[in-house]
Amino acid sequence: LTVGRAGADWVVTAHADRFQQDDALWAALTDPDIVYDHTPAQVQFALLPAVLAETGMQLHLSRGIAAITARFGPA
């Protein structure tokens, strides 16, 4: 996991040999029209959109087989 800054944005990247990704779960982070039934282990996915809205930040995701990057900053 790496965390850094790019101008006014925060950039968080997770690296692995391979990720098992739930596309609907990740899509729900940036699309408020997607309804997702979160499990207790996914609470961070349920809370992040509300925190971003409260702080006026916008999230941009880049997902690949071996890396996921979340870049967030002022909307």
N, C-alpha and C. Protein backbone atom coordinates (compact mmCIF):
# COMPACT_ATOMS: atom_id res chain seq x y z
N LEU A 1 0.86 -1.17 0.00
CA LEU A 1 0.00 0.00 0.00
C LEU A 1 0.90 1.22 0.00
N THR A 2 0.63 2.14 -0.91
CA THR A 2 1.36 3.40 -0.92
C THR A 2 0.35 4.54 -0.83
N VAL A 3 0.74 5.57 -0.10
CA VAL A 3 -0.09 6.76 0.07
C VAL A 3 0.78 7.96 -0.25
N GLY A 4 0.26 8.85 -1.06
CA GLY A 4 1.03 10.04 -1.41
C GLY A 4 0.12 11.17 -1.84
N ARG A 5 0.75 12.25 -2.26
CA ARG A 5 0.02 13.42 -2.73
C ARG A 5 0.40 13.68 -4.19
N ALA A 6 -0.55 14.19 -4.93
CA ALA A 6 -0.34 14.66 -6.30
C ALA A 6 -1.07 15.99 -6.39
N GLY A 7 -0.35 17.06 -6.14
CA GLY A 7 -0.99 18.37 -6.07
C GLY A 7 -1.91 18.42 -4.87
N ALA A 8 -3.17 18.77 -5.09
CA ALA A 8 -4.15 18.84 -4.00
C ALA A 8 -4.80 17.49 -3.71
N ASP A 9 -4.51 16.48 -4.52
CA ASP A 9 -5.13 15.17 -4.38
C ASP A 9 -4.31 14.22 -3.52
N TRP A 10 -5.01 13.34 -2.83
CA TRP A 10 -4.39 12.20 -2.17
C TRP A 10 -4.47 11.03 -3.12
N VAL A 11 -3.43 10.20 -3.14
CA VAL A 11 -3.40 9.02 -4.01
C VAL A 11 -3.03 7.81 -3.15
N VAL A 12 -3.91 6.82 -3.15
CA VAL A 12 -3.69 5.59 -2.40
C VAL A 12 -3.69 4.44 -3.40
N THR A 13 -2.60 3.66 -3.41
CA THR A 13 -2.50 2.53 -4.33
C THR A 13 -2.21 1.25 -3.56
N ALA A 14 -3.00 0.23 -3.85
CA ALA A 14 -2.78 -1.10 -3.28
C ALA A 14 -2.23 -2.00 -4.38
N HIS A 15 -1.19 -2.75 -4.06
CA HIS A 15 -0.56 -3.66 -5.02
C HIS A 15 -0.68 -5.09 -4.52
N ALA A 16 -0.92 -6.01 -5.43
CA ALA A 16 -0.97 -7.44 -5.11
C ALA A 16 -0.69 -8.22 -6.39
N ASP A 17 -0.40 -9.48 -6.26
CA ASP A 17 -0.21 -10.30 -7.45
C ASP A 17 -1.50 -10.35 -8.27
N ARG A 18 -2.61 -10.39 -7.56
CA ARG A 18 -3.92 -10.43 -8.21
C ARG A 18 -4.98 -10.09 -7.17
N PHE A 19 -5.97 -9.30 -7.57
CA PHE A 19 -7.09 -8.96 -6.70
C PHE A 19 -8.33 -9.70 -7.15
N GLN A 20 -9.13 -10.13 -6.18
CA GLN A 20 -10.47 -10.60 -6.48
C GLN A 20 -11.37 -9.40 -6.23
N GLN A 21 -11.99 -8.90 -7.29
CA GLN A 21 -12.74 -7.67 -7.19
C GLN A 21 -14.22 -7.89 -7.46
N ASP A 22 -15.04 -7.29 -6.64
CA ASP A 22 -16.48 -7.27 -6.83
C ASP A 22 -16.79 -5.96 -7.57
N ASP A 23 -17.04 -6.06 -8.87
CA ASP A 23 -17.23 -4.86 -9.68
C ASP A 23 -18.34 -3.95 -9.17
N ALA A 24 -19.46 -4.52 -8.74
CA ALA A 24 -20.58 -3.71 -8.25
C ALA A 24 -20.21 -2.97 -6.96
N LEU A 25 -19.45 -3.62 -6.10
CA LEU A 25 -19.02 -2.99 -4.86
C LEU A 25 -18.17 -1.76 -5.14
N TRP A 26 -17.20 -1.89 -6.03
CA TRP A 26 -16.32 -0.76 -6.37
C TRP A 26 -17.08 0.32 -7.13
N ALA A 27 -17.97 -0.07 -8.02
CA ALA A 27 -18.74 0.90 -8.80
C ALA A 27 -19.65 1.74 -7.91
N ALA A 28 -20.16 1.15 -6.84
CA ALA A 28 -21.05 1.87 -5.93
C ALA A 28 -20.33 3.02 -5.22
N LEU A 29 -19.01 2.99 -5.18
CA LEU A 29 -18.26 4.10 -4.56
C LEU A 29 -18.41 5.40 -5.33
N THR A 30 -18.54 5.32 -6.64
CA THR A 30 -18.58 6.52 -7.46
C THR A 30 -19.91 6.75 -8.16
N ASP A 31 -20.83 5.80 -8.06
CA ASP A 31 -22.14 5.94 -8.71
C ASP A 31 -23.24 5.81 -7.67
N PRO A 32 -23.84 6.95 -7.26
CA PRO A 32 -24.86 6.90 -6.20
C PRO A 32 -26.13 6.16 -6.61
N ASP A 33 -26.31 5.88 -7.90
CA ASP A 33 -27.49 5.16 -8.35
C ASP A 33 -27.38 3.65 -8.14
N ILE A 34 -26.18 3.17 -7.84
CA ILE A 34 -25.99 1.74 -7.60
C ILE A 34 -26.31 1.44 -6.14
N VAL A 35 -27.24 0.53 -5.93
CA VAL A 35 -27.60 0.09 -4.58
C VAL A 35 -26.85 -1.21 -4.31
N TYR A 36 -26.11 -1.23 -3.21
CA TYR A 36 -25.31 -2.41 -2.88
C TYR A 36 -25.59 -2.78 -1.43
N ASP A 37 -25.85 -4.04 -1.18
CA ASP A 37 -26.11 -4.53 0.18
C ASP A 37 -24.78 -4.91 0.81
N HIS A 38 -24.20 -3.98 1.59
CA HIS A 38 -22.87 -4.19 2.19
C HIS A 38 -22.92 -5.16 3.36
N THR A 39 -21.86 -5.92 3.50
CA THR A 39 -21.70 -6.78 4.67
C THR A 39 -20.95 -5.98 5.73
N PRO A 40 -20.91 -6.43 6.98
CA PRO A 40 -20.14 -5.72 8.00
C PRO A 40 -18.66 -5.56 7.63
N ALA A 41 -18.10 -6.50 6.91
CA ALA A 41 -16.69 -6.42 6.51
C ALA A 41 -16.47 -5.36 5.43
N GLN A 42 -17.54 -4.84 4.85
CA GLN A 42 -17.43 -3.84 3.78
C GLN A 42 -17.88 -2.47 4.25
N VAL A 43 -17.89 -2.22 5.53
CA VAL A 43 -18.40 -0.96 6.07
C VAL A 43 -17.66 0.24 5.49
N GLN A 44 -16.37 0.11 5.20
CA GLN A 44 -15.62 1.23 4.64
C GLN A 44 -16.17 1.63 3.28
N PHE A 45 -16.66 0.68 2.50
CA PHE A 45 -17.25 0.98 1.20
C PHE A 45 -18.59 1.70 1.38
N ALA A 46 -19.32 1.38 2.42
CA ALA A 46 -20.60 2.03 2.68
C ALA A 46 -20.41 3.47 3.17
N LEU A 47 -19.36 3.71 3.95
CA LEU A 47 -19.15 5.03 4.54
C LEU A 47 -18.40 6.03 3.65
N LEU A 48 -17.52 5.54 2.79
CA LEU A 48 -16.67 6.44 2.01
C LEU A 48 -17.44 7.45 1.16
N PRO A 49 -18.48 7.08 0.42
CA PRO A 49 -19.19 8.09 -0.37
C PRO A 49 -19.76 9.23 0.48
N ALA A 50 -20.28 8.91 1.65
CA ALA A 50 -20.82 9.95 2.54
C ALA A 50 -19.72 10.87 3.06
N VAL A 51 -18.58 10.31 3.42
CA VAL A 51 -17.45 11.11 3.91
C VAL A 51 -16.93 12.03 2.80
N LEU A 52 -16.81 11.51 1.60
CA LEU A 52 -16.36 12.34 0.48
C LEU A 52 -17.33 13.48 0.21
N ALA A 53 -18.63 13.20 0.25
CA ALA A 53 -19.63 14.25 0.03
C ALA A 53 -19.56 15.31 1.12
N GLU A 54 -19.39 14.88 2.36
CA GLU A 54 -19.29 15.80 3.50
C GLU A 54 -18.09 16.73 3.39
N THR A 55 -17.00 16.21 2.88
CA THR A 55 -15.76 16.98 2.80
C THR A 55 -15.58 17.68 1.45
N GLY A 56 -16.53 17.49 0.53
CA GLY A 56 -16.44 18.12 -0.78
C GLY A 56 -15.36 17.54 -1.66
N MET A 57 -15.06 16.27 -1.46
CA MET A 57 -14.02 15.63 -2.26
C MET A 57 -14.64 14.70 -3.28
N GLN A 58 -13.88 14.42 -4.33
CA GLN A 58 -14.32 13.53 -5.39
C GLN A 58 -13.33 12.38 -5.51
N LEU A 59 -13.85 11.18 -5.78
CA LEU A 59 -13.04 9.98 -5.89
C LEU A 59 -12.92 9.55 -7.34
N HIS A 60 -11.70 9.18 -7.74
CA HIS A 60 -11.44 8.59 -9.05
C HIS A 60 -10.73 7.27 -8.81
N LEU A 61 -11.24 6.21 -9.39
CA LEU A 61 -10.67 4.87 -9.20
C LEU A 61 -10.04 4.36 -10.48
N SER A 62 -8.94 3.66 -10.31
CA SER A 62 -8.29 2.96 -11.41
C SER A 62 -8.02 1.55 -10.90
N ARG A 63 -8.62 0.56 -11.55
CA ARG A 63 -8.48 -0.81 -11.09
C ARG A 63 -7.87 -1.67 -12.17
N GLY A 64 -6.89 -2.46 -11.79
CA GLY A 64 -6.27 -3.41 -12.69
C GLY A 64 -6.15 -4.75 -12.00
N ILE A 65 -5.51 -5.69 -12.65
CA ILE A 65 -5.35 -7.02 -12.08
C ILE A 65 -4.45 -6.99 -10.85
N ALA A 66 -3.38 -6.18 -10.88
CA ALA A 66 -2.40 -6.19 -9.81
C ALA A 66 -2.32 -4.89 -9.01
N ALA A 67 -3.20 -3.92 -9.31
CA ALA A 67 -3.17 -2.66 -8.57
C ALA A 67 -4.52 -1.97 -8.61
N ILE A 68 -4.86 -1.33 -7.51
CA ILE A 68 -6.05 -0.48 -7.42
C ILE A 68 -5.57 0.86 -6.90
N THR A 69 -5.92 1.94 -7.62
CA THR A 69 -5.53 3.27 -7.20
C THR A 69 -6.78 4.11 -6.98
N ALA A 70 -6.85 4.72 -5.80
CA ALA A 70 -7.92 5.65 -5.46
C ALA A 70 -7.28 7.04 -5.34
N ARG A 71 -7.78 7.95 -6.15
CA ARG A 71 -7.28 9.33 -6.12
C ARG A 71 -8.45 10.21 -5.73
N PHE A 72 -8.27 10.97 -4.66
CA PHE A 72 -9.36 11.84 -4.24
C PHE A 72 -8.85 13.21 -3.85
N GLY A 73 -9.67 14.19 -4.18
CA GLY A 73 -9.31 15.57 -3.92
C GLY A 73 -10.52 16.45 -4.07
N PRO A 74 -10.30 17.77 -4.07
CA PRO A 74 -11.42 18.71 -4.16
C PRO A 74 -12.25 18.46 -5.42
N ALA A 75 -13.55 18.54 -5.24
CA ALA A 75 -14.47 18.31 -6.37
C ALA A 75 -14.45 19.49 -7.33
